[in-house]
Amino acid sequence: MSIKFRLIVSYMAMLIVPIILSLFLLPAVASFYVKSINKAYDIKYNGPTFQSNVFKSNPLKDLFDKNSLILMDIEKDIEVKLNILEDTNYLSKLDNKLKLTHSGIVIRKNGVITYSTNFINKTEIEKNLPKFGSLEEKRMHPNLILNSLLISKQHDFYFKDKSPGSIFIMTDAGAMLSITKTFGLLYIVIVIIIMILINALLTHWILKKIVKPLVALKDASTKIKEGYLDFEVKSNSNDEIGELCKEFEDMRCRLKESVEIQLNYENNRKELISNISHDLKTPVTAIKGYVEGIKDGVADTPEKMEKYINIIHKKTNDIDKLIEELFLFSKLDSNELPFGFERVDIKNYLSDSVEELKFDLEKSNIDLQLIDEIQDKISILADREKLKRVIVNIVDNSVKYMDKENGQIQITLKGLEDFVQFEIKDNGRGISQEALPFIFDRFYRADPSRNSKTGGSGLGLAIAKKIIEGHGGKIWSESTVGLGTSIYFIIKKCSMEGR
């Protein structure tokens, strides 16, 4: 449910629900008044029971109707006993019954008022009462007496001594109107209470569905601002707020990932600086020592001088190679080094590369062999120089860790369905299973002593991995301690017509 739809529902509910509830409560409130009056009168009739329908009448009219019924009862009592209206006990009971609704009685005999309820002024009302035998006897007669509106019902009769008499049931309409006003005020108060309750419920609903998630987002933004990212922004709604929470959570996850990458980068940078410092310090220290030896006259013979110069030259080459590899790895790692891809006949390319490597390896008493298991002519899309760098780095790594007098290195070329697989296998010392997953990490050496004689710069296999991944391939290794190591990598084939 969208926020717009929620707000529309809330607005409509604030208008419609109170109206509907008020209409249902109106009969109940009116019925309560009528029942109270019925209870006050406590009258039962032999005929049909008097009932009020709040939609067809009102409490004031109901009272006048009841007074008419009481008057009918009085008429019956007079027929039974002509002088009953001279009985003070009977009249007192009538007064008590009628005063609950601000009504009373007036008895007139021979034109003179003989009895009246306390709140009725005899002097003022006498001249305003209808005459005996009035044609309007059956109607209600309004009388303005002392600024009070009295409404009367009249019944004429003859006393036992044949004197003309009349009985009037007088109702103080002003007082009854105050009852009606009280009823109206009570109804208005009930409607206001209903509106307040509905408003409170809808406000709580809006707060729960809209404001609460916004507060959670505010707290989340504060946490992010303070650098705390280990939390979760939860939302179960499918509206705009729910979508915002999901986007915010996605942003938090990405930000956390970015921070972790940045921290990892910083740690790697520190490690890189530390490793570079260590690897540069060793040859620089050696160069400095031999230069000082020459300067102090330690190399006092032509043979020593030549030896010192050769060592200085070698160390300088080591530094130059380290800087070159570091520069190459940095370019590959930041994707700043472009690849010059071209279609390469892999059989001829690899054959030429092996011939170039054989000459140098013979000096180290290592036999290099090429095993070609591909029958057909196959091409790959590759950067010739960078692919050669991969092969050279892997072979150099095998040479550094060779511990056999008769070393052997085999390069096997195998055709797979969509790839060409290279395997460079040696019979060197091998790599432990604990170290095997890390050999492609930069500056990692299986030899913890970081001896440059055996360990190199620690960038050779890391560079190889970056180059193979740049070709869209994959590189991995297998090794058995004491038996040797195999480095595998695959590069996708390409057709002779194009990539």
Protein backbone atom coordinates (compact mmCIF):
# COMPACT_ATOMS: atom_id res chain seq x y z
CA MET A 1 0.00 0.00 0.00
CA SER A 2 1.48 3.32 -1.08
CA ILE A 3 1.82 6.34 1.23
CA LYS A 4 -0.55 8.33 -1.01
CA PHE A 5 -3.22 5.65 -0.72
CA ARG A 6 -2.65 5.41 3.05
CA LEU A 7 -3.14 9.15 3.47
CA ILE A 8 -6.31 9.07 1.35
CA VAL A 9 -7.70 6.18 3.41
CA SER A 10 -6.77 7.98 6.61
CA TYR A 11 -8.44 11.22 5.50
CA MET A 12 -11.60 9.45 4.35
CA ALA A 13 -11.74 7.41 7.57
CA MET A 14 -11.49 10.59 9.66
CA LEU A 15 -14.61 11.89 7.87
CA ILE A 16 -16.71 8.79 7.26
CA VAL A 17 -16.11 6.64 10.36
CA PRO A 18 -17.21 9.30 12.90
CA ILE A 19 -20.35 10.01 10.83
CA ILE A 20 -21.28 6.31 10.65
CA LEU A 21 -20.63 5.74 14.36
CA SER A 22 -22.56 8.90 15.25
CA LEU A 23 -25.58 7.71 13.27
CA PHE A 24 -25.45 4.39 15.10
CA LEU A 25 -25.12 6.12 18.48
CA LEU A 26 -27.96 8.61 17.89
CA PRO A 27 -30.72 5.99 18.40
CA ALA A 28 -28.94 4.66 21.47
CA VAL A 29 -28.66 8.08 23.13
CA ALA A 30 -32.24 9.04 22.29
CA SER A 31 -33.48 5.66 23.45
CA PHE A 32 -31.65 6.19 26.74
CA TYR A 33 -33.60 9.44 27.30
CA VAL A 34 -36.93 7.88 26.41
CA LYS A 35 -36.28 4.86 28.62
CA SER A 36 -35.37 7.19 31.48
CA ILE A 37 -38.69 8.99 31.05
CA ASN A 38 -40.56 5.68 30.85
CA LYS A 39 -38.87 4.57 34.03
CA ALA A 40 -39.75 7.86 35.73
CA TYR A 41 -43.40 7.56 34.81
CA ASP A 42 -43.55 3.81 35.34
CA ILE A 43 -47.01 3.67 33.75
CA LYS A 44 -48.65 0.63 32.15
CA TYR A 45 -51.68 0.77 29.96
CA ASN A 46 -54.23 -1.84 29.00
CA GLY A 47 -53.99 -0.83 25.37
CA PRO A 48 -50.96 -0.86 23.09
CA THR A 49 -47.73 0.05 24.89
CA PHE A 50 -46.39 3.53 24.06
CA GLN A 51 -43.12 3.29 22.10
CA SER A 52 -40.86 5.94 20.67
CA ASN A 53 -39.05 5.77 17.38
CA VAL A 54 -36.24 8.33 17.38
CA PHE A 55 -36.40 8.65 13.64
CA LYS A 56 -40.16 9.49 13.65
CA SER A 57 -40.48 11.55 16.86
CA ASN A 58 -38.45 13.30 19.52
CA PRO A 59 -38.28 13.19 23.34
CA LEU A 60 -40.34 16.40 23.78
CA LYS A 61 -43.23 15.13 21.66
CA ASP A 62 -43.06 11.81 23.44
CA LEU A 63 -43.60 13.60 26.75
CA PHE A 64 -46.66 15.45 25.45
CA ASP A 65 -48.07 12.17 24.17
CA LYS A 66 -47.52 10.59 27.56
CA ASN A 67 -49.24 13.51 29.26
CA SER A 68 -52.19 12.93 26.94
CA LEU A 69 -52.30 9.31 28.05
CA ILE A 70 -52.17 10.38 31.70
CA LEU A 71 -55.04 12.77 31.03
CA MET A 72 -57.03 9.87 29.56
CA ASP A 73 -56.42 7.90 32.75
CA ILE A 74 -57.64 10.86 34.80
CA GLU A 75 -60.80 11.02 32.69
CA LYS A 76 -61.44 7.37 33.50
CA ASP A 77 -60.84 8.02 37.22
CA ILE A 78 -63.33 10.95 37.14
CA GLU A 79 -65.96 8.72 35.57
CA VAL A 80 -65.52 6.27 38.38
CA LYS A 81 -65.39 8.90 41.15
CA LEU A 82 -66.63 12.43 40.32
CA ASN A 83 -64.99 14.12 43.32
CA ILE A 84 -61.60 12.38 42.93
CA LEU A 85 -59.98 15.67 41.88
CA GLU A 86 -60.85 17.05 45.31
CA ASP A 87 -58.78 14.27 46.92
CA THR A 88 -55.47 15.84 47.96
CA ASN A 89 -53.69 12.44 48.11
CA TYR A 90 -54.70 11.69 44.52
CA LEU A 91 -53.58 15.12 43.35
CA SER A 92 -50.27 14.80 45.24
CA LYS A 93 -49.52 11.51 43.48
CA LEU A 94 -50.26 13.12 40.11
CA ASP A 95 -47.93 16.01 40.96
CA ASN A 96 -45.12 13.68 41.93
CA LYS A 97 -45.52 11.77 38.70
CA LEU A 98 -45.60 14.87 36.50
CA LYS A 99 -42.92 17.01 38.14
CA LEU A 100 -40.17 14.66 36.92
CA THR A 101 -40.72 16.14 33.47
CA HIS A 102 -41.46 19.71 34.56
CA SER A 103 -45.22 19.18 34.26
CA GLY A 104 -48.02 19.86 36.71
CA ILE A 105 -51.81 20.09 37.07
CA VAL A 106 -54.34 22.88 37.52
CA ILE A 107 -57.90 22.19 38.79
CA ARG A 108 -60.61 24.76 38.05
CA LYS A 109 -64.17 24.70 39.53
CA ASN A 110 -66.82 27.24 38.58
CA GLY A 111 -64.11 29.37 36.92
CA VAL A 112 -61.95 29.47 40.08
CA ILE A 113 -58.68 27.61 40.43
CA THR A 114 -58.96 25.26 43.38
CA TYR A 115 -55.56 23.50 43.01
CA SER A 116 -52.33 24.11 41.14
CA THR A 117 -48.82 22.70 41.15
CA ASN A 118 -46.27 24.78 43.05
CA PHE A 119 -44.37 26.13 40.01
CA ILE A 120 -47.61 27.50 38.46
CA ASN A 121 -48.72 31.01 39.47
CA LYS A 122 -52.51 30.92 39.99
CA THR A 123 -53.02 34.64 39.48
CA GLU A 124 -51.07 34.85 36.23
CA ILE A 125 -52.42 31.64 34.70
CA GLU A 126 -56.11 32.05 35.57
CA LYS A 127 -56.80 34.73 32.96
CA ASN A 128 -54.96 32.77 30.25
CA LEU A 129 -56.67 29.41 30.64
CA PRO A 130 -59.23 28.41 28.00
CA LYS A 131 -62.87 28.64 29.08
CA PHE A 132 -65.02 25.67 30.04
CA GLY A 133 -66.37 23.92 26.99
CA SER A 134 -63.79 25.43 24.62
CA LEU A 135 -63.88 24.01 21.09
CA GLU A 136 -60.11 23.59 21.20
CA GLU A 137 -60.31 21.32 24.18
CA LYS A 138 -58.47 18.52 22.47
CA ARG A 139 -55.55 20.73 21.38
CA MET A 140 -52.46 21.86 23.21
CA HIS A 141 -52.71 25.47 24.35
CA PRO A 142 -49.47 27.50 24.56
CA ASN A 143 -49.49 30.20 27.29
CA LEU A 144 -46.73 32.79 27.85
CA ILE A 145 -46.73 33.34 31.61
CA LEU A 146 -43.95 35.31 33.31
CA ASN A 147 -41.70 34.79 30.29
CA SER A 148 -42.20 31.02 30.61
CA LEU A 149 -43.90 29.00 27.88
CA LEU A 150 -46.48 26.67 29.42
CA ILE A 151 -48.27 24.20 27.18
CA SER A 152 -51.54 22.80 28.52
CA LYS A 153 -53.86 19.88 27.84
CA GLN A 154 -57.50 20.48 28.97
CA HIS A 155 -60.30 18.16 30.01
CA ASP A 156 -63.73 19.49 31.08
CA PHE A 157 -66.11 17.59 33.40
CA TYR A 158 -68.74 18.11 36.08
CA PHE A 159 -68.18 17.66 39.76
CA LYS A 160 -70.58 15.61 41.85
CA ASP A 161 -72.54 18.77 42.71
CA LYS A 162 -72.97 19.50 38.97
CA SER A 163 -70.45 22.34 39.07
CA PRO A 164 -68.47 22.76 35.82
CA GLY A 165 -64.81 21.87 36.22
CA SER A 166 -61.65 21.56 34.17
CA ILE A 167 -58.30 19.87 34.67
CA PHE A 168 -55.21 21.12 32.89
CA ILE A 169 -51.88 19.27 32.55
CA MET A 170 -49.34 22.06 32.21
CA THR A 171 -45.84 21.39 30.78
CA ASP A 172 -43.00 23.90 31.13
CA ALA A 173 -41.77 23.80 27.52
CA GLY A 174 -38.75 25.93 28.38
CA ALA A 175 -37.54 23.34 30.89
CA MET A 176 -38.24 20.55 28.43
CA LEU A 177 -36.28 22.37 25.75
CA SER A 178 -33.34 22.46 28.16
CA ILE A 179 -33.57 18.67 28.36
CA THR A 180 -33.50 18.55 24.58
CA LYS A 181 -30.48 20.88 24.58
CA THR A 182 -28.76 18.62 27.12
CA PHE A 183 -29.49 15.70 24.83
CA GLY A 184 -27.98 17.62 21.89
CA LEU A 185 -24.91 18.66 23.87
CA LEU A 186 -24.35 15.10 25.05
CA TYR A 187 -24.64 13.89 21.48
CA ILE A 188 -22.12 16.51 20.30
CA VAL A 189 -19.69 15.51 23.09
CA ILE A 190 -20.01 11.87 22.06
CA VAL A 191 -19.33 12.76 18.42
CA ILE A 192 -16.25 14.79 19.44
CA ILE A 193 -14.97 11.89 21.57
CA ILE A 194 -15.47 9.54 18.62
CA MET A 195 -13.57 11.87 16.33
CA ILE A 196 -10.72 12.19 18.86
CA LEU A 197 -10.49 8.40 19.23
CA ILE A 198 -10.59 7.81 15.47
CA ASN A 199 -8.01 10.53 15.00
CA ALA A 200 -5.77 8.99 17.65
CA LEU A 201 -6.03 5.52 16.09
CA LEU A 202 -5.32 6.80 12.58
CA THR A 203 -2.46 8.97 13.85
CA HIS A 204 -0.96 5.93 15.58
CA TRP A 205 -1.34 3.97 12.34
CA ILE A 206 0.37 6.72 10.33
CA LEU A 207 3.13 7.03 12.93
CA LYS A 208 3.72 3.29 12.87
CA LYS A 209 3.73 2.96 9.09
CA ILE A 210 5.41 6.20 8.03
CA VAL A 211 7.06 8.16 10.84
CA LYS A 212 8.63 5.18 12.64
CA PRO A 213 10.57 3.98 9.53
CA LEU A 214 11.70 7.57 8.90
CA VAL A 215 13.02 7.80 12.46
CA ALA A 216 14.84 4.49 11.91
CA LEU A 217 16.39 5.92 8.73
CA LYS A 218 17.45 9.03 10.62
CA ASP A 219 19.13 6.89 13.30
CA ALA A 220 20.79 4.83 10.58
CA SER A 221 22.14 7.95 8.86
CA THR A 222 23.52 9.15 12.20
CA LYS A 223 25.31 5.82 12.70
CA ILE A 224 26.78 6.01 9.20
CA LYS A 225 27.90 9.58 9.81
CA GLU A 226 29.69 8.38 12.95
CA GLY A 227 31.38 5.59 10.98
CA TYR A 228 29.35 2.68 12.37
CA LEU A 229 28.22 0.35 9.60
CA ASP A 230 27.59 -2.96 11.39
CA PHE A 231 23.80 -2.77 11.58
CA GLU A 232 20.80 -3.53 9.38
CA VAL A 233 17.96 -1.31 8.19
CA LYS A 234 14.84 -3.47 8.31
CA SER A 235 11.46 -2.80 6.71
CA ASN A 236 8.48 -5.08 6.17
CA SER A 237 6.35 -2.62 4.18
CA ASN A 238 6.07 -2.52 0.40
CA ASP A 239 5.36 1.19 0.05
CA GLU A 240 7.70 4.07 -0.83
CA ILE A 241 9.17 4.06 2.70
CA GLY A 242 9.87 0.32 2.41
CA GLU A 243 11.61 0.87 -0.94
CA LEU A 244 13.60 3.73 0.58
CA CYS A 245 14.68 1.49 3.46
CA LYS A 246 15.77 -1.21 1.02
CA GLU A 247 17.75 1.29 -1.03
CA PHE A 248 19.28 2.69 2.16
CA GLU A 249 20.26 -0.82 3.28
CA ASP A 250 21.79 -1.50 -0.13
CA MET A 251 23.72 1.77 0.14
CA ARG A 252 24.92 0.79 3.64
CA CYS A 253 26.11 -2.62 2.40
CA ARG A 254 27.92 -1.05 -0.55
CA LEU A 255 29.45 1.58 1.70
CA LYS A 256 30.57 -1.06 4.17
CA GLU A 257 32.05 -3.10 1.34
CA SER A 258 33.79 0.00 0.01
CA VAL A 259 35.20 0.80 3.45
CA GLU A 260 36.42 -2.78 3.85
CA ILE A 261 38.04 -2.63 0.41
CA GLN A 262 39.64 0.68 1.34
CA LEU A 263 40.92 -0.72 4.63
CA ASN A 264 42.21 -3.78 2.80
CA TYR A 265 43.85 -1.50 0.24
CA GLU A 266 45.47 0.51 3.02
CA ASN A 267 46.74 -2.65 4.69
CA ASN A 268 48.05 -3.92 1.36
CA ARG A 269 49.68 -0.57 0.71
CA LYS A 270 51.41 -0.68 4.07
CA GLU A 271 52.50 -4.25 3.43
CA LEU A 272 53.65 -3.25 -0.06
CA ILE A 273 55.74 -0.41 1.29
CA SER A 274 57.19 -2.69 3.96
CA ASN A 275 58.07 -5.40 1.43
CA ILE A 276 59.54 -2.93 -1.05
CA SER A 277 61.61 -1.37 1.70
CA HIS A 278 62.90 -4.77 2.77
CA ASP A 279 63.60 -5.98 -0.77
CA LEU A 280 65.33 -2.77 -1.75
CA LYS A 281 67.28 -2.49 1.48
CA THR A 282 69.06 -5.83 0.98
CA PRO A 283 70.70 -5.08 -2.41
CA VAL A 284 71.25 -1.42 -1.52
CA THR A 285 73.05 -2.45 1.67
CA ALA A 286 75.17 -4.88 -0.31
CA ILE A 287 76.01 -2.25 -2.93
CA LYS A 288 76.89 0.23 -0.19
CA GLY A 289 79.14 -2.31 1.49
CA TYR A 290 81.06 -3.19 -1.67
CA VAL A 291 81.38 0.48 -2.68
CA GLU A 292 82.83 1.28 0.76
CA GLY A 293 85.16 -1.72 0.35
CA ILE A 294 86.42 -0.27 -2.93
CA LYS A 295 86.66 3.18 -1.37
CA ASP A 296 88.63 1.89 1.65
CA GLY A 297 91.02 -0.08 -0.58
CA VAL A 298 89.78 -3.52 0.45
CA ALA A 299 89.60 -4.46 -3.25
CA ASP A 300 93.36 -4.07 -3.59
CA THR A 301 93.79 -6.51 -6.45
CA PRO A 302 92.35 -6.53 -9.97
CA GLU A 303 90.56 -9.81 -9.20
CA LYS A 304 88.85 -8.40 -6.09
CA MET A 305 87.97 -5.19 -7.87
CA GLU A 306 86.35 -7.15 -10.70
CA LYS A 307 84.48 -9.31 -8.21
CA TYR A 308 83.17 -6.26 -6.31
CA ILE A 309 82.10 -4.54 -9.52
CA ASN A 310 80.32 -7.68 -10.76
CA ILE A 311 78.45 -8.01 -7.47
CA ILE A 312 77.50 -4.34 -7.55
CA HIS A 313 76.32 -4.78 -11.14
CA LYS A 314 74.24 -7.84 -10.20
CA LYS A 315 72.65 -6.09 -7.22
CA THR A 316 71.88 -3.09 -9.40
CA ASN A 317 70.18 -5.38 -11.90
CA ASP A 318 68.18 -6.95 -9.06
CA ILE A 319 66.98 -3.51 -7.97
CA ASP A 320 66.16 -2.58 -11.56
CA LYS A 321 64.22 -5.83 -12.02
CA LEU A 322 62.33 -5.33 -8.75
CA ILE A 323 61.36 -1.78 -9.72
CA GLU A 324 60.32 -2.97 -13.18
CA GLU A 325 58.16 -5.75 -11.77
CA LEU A 326 56.70 -3.45 -9.16
CA PHE A 327 55.84 -0.90 -11.83
CA LEU A 328 54.31 -3.60 -14.05
CA PHE A 329 52.24 -5.07 -11.21
CA SER A 330 51.02 -1.63 -10.17
CA LYS A 331 49.86 -0.92 -13.73
CA LEU A 332 48.15 -4.30 -13.99
CA ASP A 333 46.51 -3.96 -10.57
CA SER A 334 45.03 -0.56 -11.43
CA ASN A 335 44.02 -1.66 -14.96
CA GLU A 336 46.17 1.10 -16.44
CA LEU A 337 48.25 -1.18 -18.66
CA PRO A 338 46.61 -1.77 -22.06
CA PHE A 339 46.70 -5.21 -23.71
CA GLY A 340 47.70 -5.49 -27.34
CA PHE A 341 45.61 -8.50 -28.32
CA GLU A 342 46.25 -10.28 -31.59
CA ARG A 343 45.51 -13.68 -33.05
CA VAL A 344 48.33 -16.04 -32.10
CA ASP A 345 49.05 -19.52 -33.45
CA ILE A 346 49.73 -21.05 -30.07
CA LYS A 347 51.73 -24.09 -31.30
CA ASN A 348 54.30 -22.00 -33.17
CA TYR A 349 54.35 -19.31 -30.49
CA LEU A 350 55.02 -21.74 -27.66
CA SER A 351 57.66 -23.64 -29.67
CA ASP A 352 59.62 -20.42 -30.27
CA SER A 353 59.33 -19.41 -26.60
CA VAL A 354 60.68 -22.76 -25.38
CA GLU A 355 63.68 -22.55 -27.71
CA GLU A 356 64.57 -19.15 -26.26
CA LEU A 357 64.33 -20.43 -22.69
CA LYS A 358 66.32 -23.64 -23.24
CA PHE A 359 69.62 -21.87 -23.71
CA ASP A 360 69.49 -20.12 -20.32
CA LEU A 361 68.21 -23.21 -18.47
CA GLU A 362 71.03 -25.43 -19.74
CA LYS A 363 73.44 -23.33 -17.69
CA SER A 364 71.47 -24.30 -14.57
CA ASN A 365 71.47 -27.99 -15.60
CA ILE A 366 67.69 -27.94 -16.13
CA ASP A 367 66.08 -29.72 -19.03
CA LEU A 368 63.08 -27.92 -20.60
CA GLN A 369 60.65 -29.96 -22.70
CA LEU A 370 57.57 -29.07 -24.72
CA ILE A 371 54.77 -31.63 -24.93
CA ASP A 372 52.20 -30.69 -27.56
CA GLU A 373 48.96 -32.68 -27.30
CA ILE A 374 47.10 -30.50 -29.81
CA GLN A 375 46.66 -32.07 -33.24
CA ASP A 376 45.00 -29.24 -35.13
CA LYS A 377 46.07 -25.68 -35.62
CA ILE A 378 44.62 -23.52 -32.83
CA SER A 379 44.73 -19.78 -32.32
CA ILE A 380 44.16 -17.69 -29.25
CA LEU A 381 43.72 -13.96 -28.84
CA ALA A 382 46.67 -12.84 -26.75
CA ASP A 383 49.22 -10.14 -26.01
CA ARG A 384 52.45 -11.80 -27.13
CA GLU A 385 54.81 -9.96 -24.78
CA LYS A 386 52.62 -10.31 -21.70
CA LEU A 387 51.91 -13.99 -22.35
CA LYS A 388 55.64 -14.58 -22.66
CA ARG A 389 56.08 -12.75 -19.34
CA VAL A 390 53.70 -15.30 -17.75
CA ILE A 391 55.69 -18.26 -19.06
CA VAL A 392 59.03 -16.71 -18.07
CA ASN A 393 57.86 -15.84 -14.56
CA ILE A 394 56.52 -19.35 -13.94
CA VAL A 395 59.70 -20.98 -15.29
CA ASP A 396 61.89 -18.60 -13.22
CA ASN A 397 59.88 -19.56 -10.15
CA SER A 398 60.52 -23.24 -10.87
CA VAL A 399 64.24 -22.58 -11.27
CA LYS A 400 64.47 -20.71 -7.96
CA TYR A 401 62.91 -23.57 -6.04
CA MET A 402 64.69 -26.36 -7.90
CA ASP A 403 66.54 -28.67 -5.44
CA LYS A 404 67.45 -31.50 -7.81
CA GLU A 405 70.81 -31.88 -9.60
CA ASN A 406 69.06 -32.78 -12.84
CA GLY A 407 66.13 -30.46 -12.94
CA GLN A 408 63.27 -30.98 -15.32
CA ILE A 409 60.59 -28.59 -16.51
CA GLN A 410 57.80 -29.69 -18.85
CA ILE A 411 55.46 -27.37 -20.69
CA THR A 412 52.38 -29.27 -21.84
CA LEU A 413 49.90 -27.80 -24.30
CA LYS A 414 46.44 -29.35 -24.26
CA GLY A 415 43.27 -28.44 -26.16
CA LEU A 416 40.01 -28.37 -24.25
CA GLU A 417 36.54 -27.73 -25.65
CA ASP A 418 36.66 -23.92 -25.61
CA PHE A 419 40.08 -23.30 -24.08
CA VAL A 420 43.75 -24.00 -24.51
CA GLN A 421 45.37 -25.33 -21.33
CA PHE A 422 49.02 -24.72 -20.41
CA GLU A 423 50.75 -26.81 -17.77
CA ILE A 424 54.25 -25.90 -16.55
CA LYS A 425 55.50 -28.72 -14.36
CA ASP A 426 58.82 -29.05 -12.49
CA ASN A 427 60.45 -31.65 -10.26
CA GLY A 428 61.56 -29.14 -7.62
CA ARG A 429 61.04 -29.06 -3.88
CA GLY A 430 57.27 -28.54 -4.14
CA ILE A 431 55.00 -26.32 -2.11
CA SER A 432 53.16 -27.26 1.07
CA GLN A 433 49.37 -27.42 0.96
CA GLU A 434 49.20 -24.63 3.56
CA ALA A 435 51.17 -22.25 1.33
CA LEU A 436 49.65 -23.30 -2.01
CA PRO A 437 46.56 -20.98 -1.89
CA PHE A 438 48.77 -17.90 -1.40
CA ILE A 439 51.47 -18.30 -4.03
CA PHE A 440 49.70 -15.90 -6.43
CA ASP A 441 49.51 -13.14 -3.80
CA ARG A 442 51.91 -10.26 -4.26
CA PHE A 443 55.16 -10.44 -2.26
CA TYR A 444 54.27 -13.90 -1.01
CA ARG A 445 57.19 -16.27 -0.67
CA ALA A 446 56.97 -19.88 0.37
CA ASP A 447 60.44 -19.30 1.86
CA PRO A 448 59.70 -17.22 5.00
CA SER A 449 63.31 -16.00 5.18
CA ARG A 450 62.63 -13.76 2.14
CA ASN A 451 66.05 -14.69 0.79
CA SER A 452 66.27 -12.96 -2.57
CA LYS A 453 68.50 -15.71 -3.86
CA THR A 454 65.66 -18.21 -3.66
CA GLY A 455 62.59 -16.11 -3.13
CA GLY A 456 62.91 -13.42 -5.81
CA SER A 457 60.73 -10.31 -5.56
CA GLY A 458 57.55 -12.21 -4.71
CA LEU A 459 55.76 -10.55 -7.65
CA GLY A 460 56.38 -13.05 -10.45
CA LEU A 461 53.31 -15.28 -9.93
CA ALA A 462 51.15 -12.30 -8.92
CA ILE A 463 52.01 -10.64 -12.25
CA ALA A 464 51.27 -13.90 -14.09
CA LYS A 465 47.85 -14.10 -12.47
CA LYS A 466 46.98 -10.50 -13.40
CA ILE A 467 48.01 -11.08 -17.04
CA ILE A 468 46.03 -14.33 -17.37
CA GLU A 469 42.96 -12.68 -15.83
CA GLY A 470 43.46 -9.81 -18.30
CA HIS A 471 43.19 -12.43 -21.06
CA GLY A 472 39.91 -13.66 -19.58
CA GLY A 473 41.55 -16.87 -18.39
CA LYS A 474 42.19 -18.63 -15.11
CA ILE A 475 45.36 -19.79 -13.32
CA TRP A 476 45.85 -22.34 -10.53
CA SER A 477 48.44 -24.72 -9.12
CA GLU A 478 48.98 -28.21 -7.77
CA SER A 479 52.00 -29.37 -5.83
CA THR A 480 53.46 -32.22 -3.83
CA VAL A 481 56.29 -31.51 -1.40
CA GLY A 482 59.49 -33.24 -2.59
CA LEU A 483 58.08 -34.14 -6.01
CA GLY A 484 57.43 -30.81 -7.69
CA THR A 485 54.83 -28.24 -8.68
CA SER A 486 52.48 -27.79 -11.63
CA ILE A 487 51.11 -24.38 -12.65
CA TYR A 488 48.07 -24.46 -14.92
CA PHE A 489 46.40 -21.66 -16.85
CA ILE A 490 43.80 -21.58 -19.59
CA ILE A 491 43.05 -19.07 -22.35
CA LYS A 492 39.97 -19.13 -24.55
CA LYS A 493 40.33 -20.27 -28.17
CA CYS A 494 39.41 -18.02 -31.05
CA SER A 495 38.41 -18.90 -34.62
CA MET A 496 40.72 -18.16 -37.53
CA GLU A 497 38.13 -15.70 -38.88
CA GLY A 498 38.21 -13.45 -35.80
CA ARG A 499 37.93 -13.27 -32.10
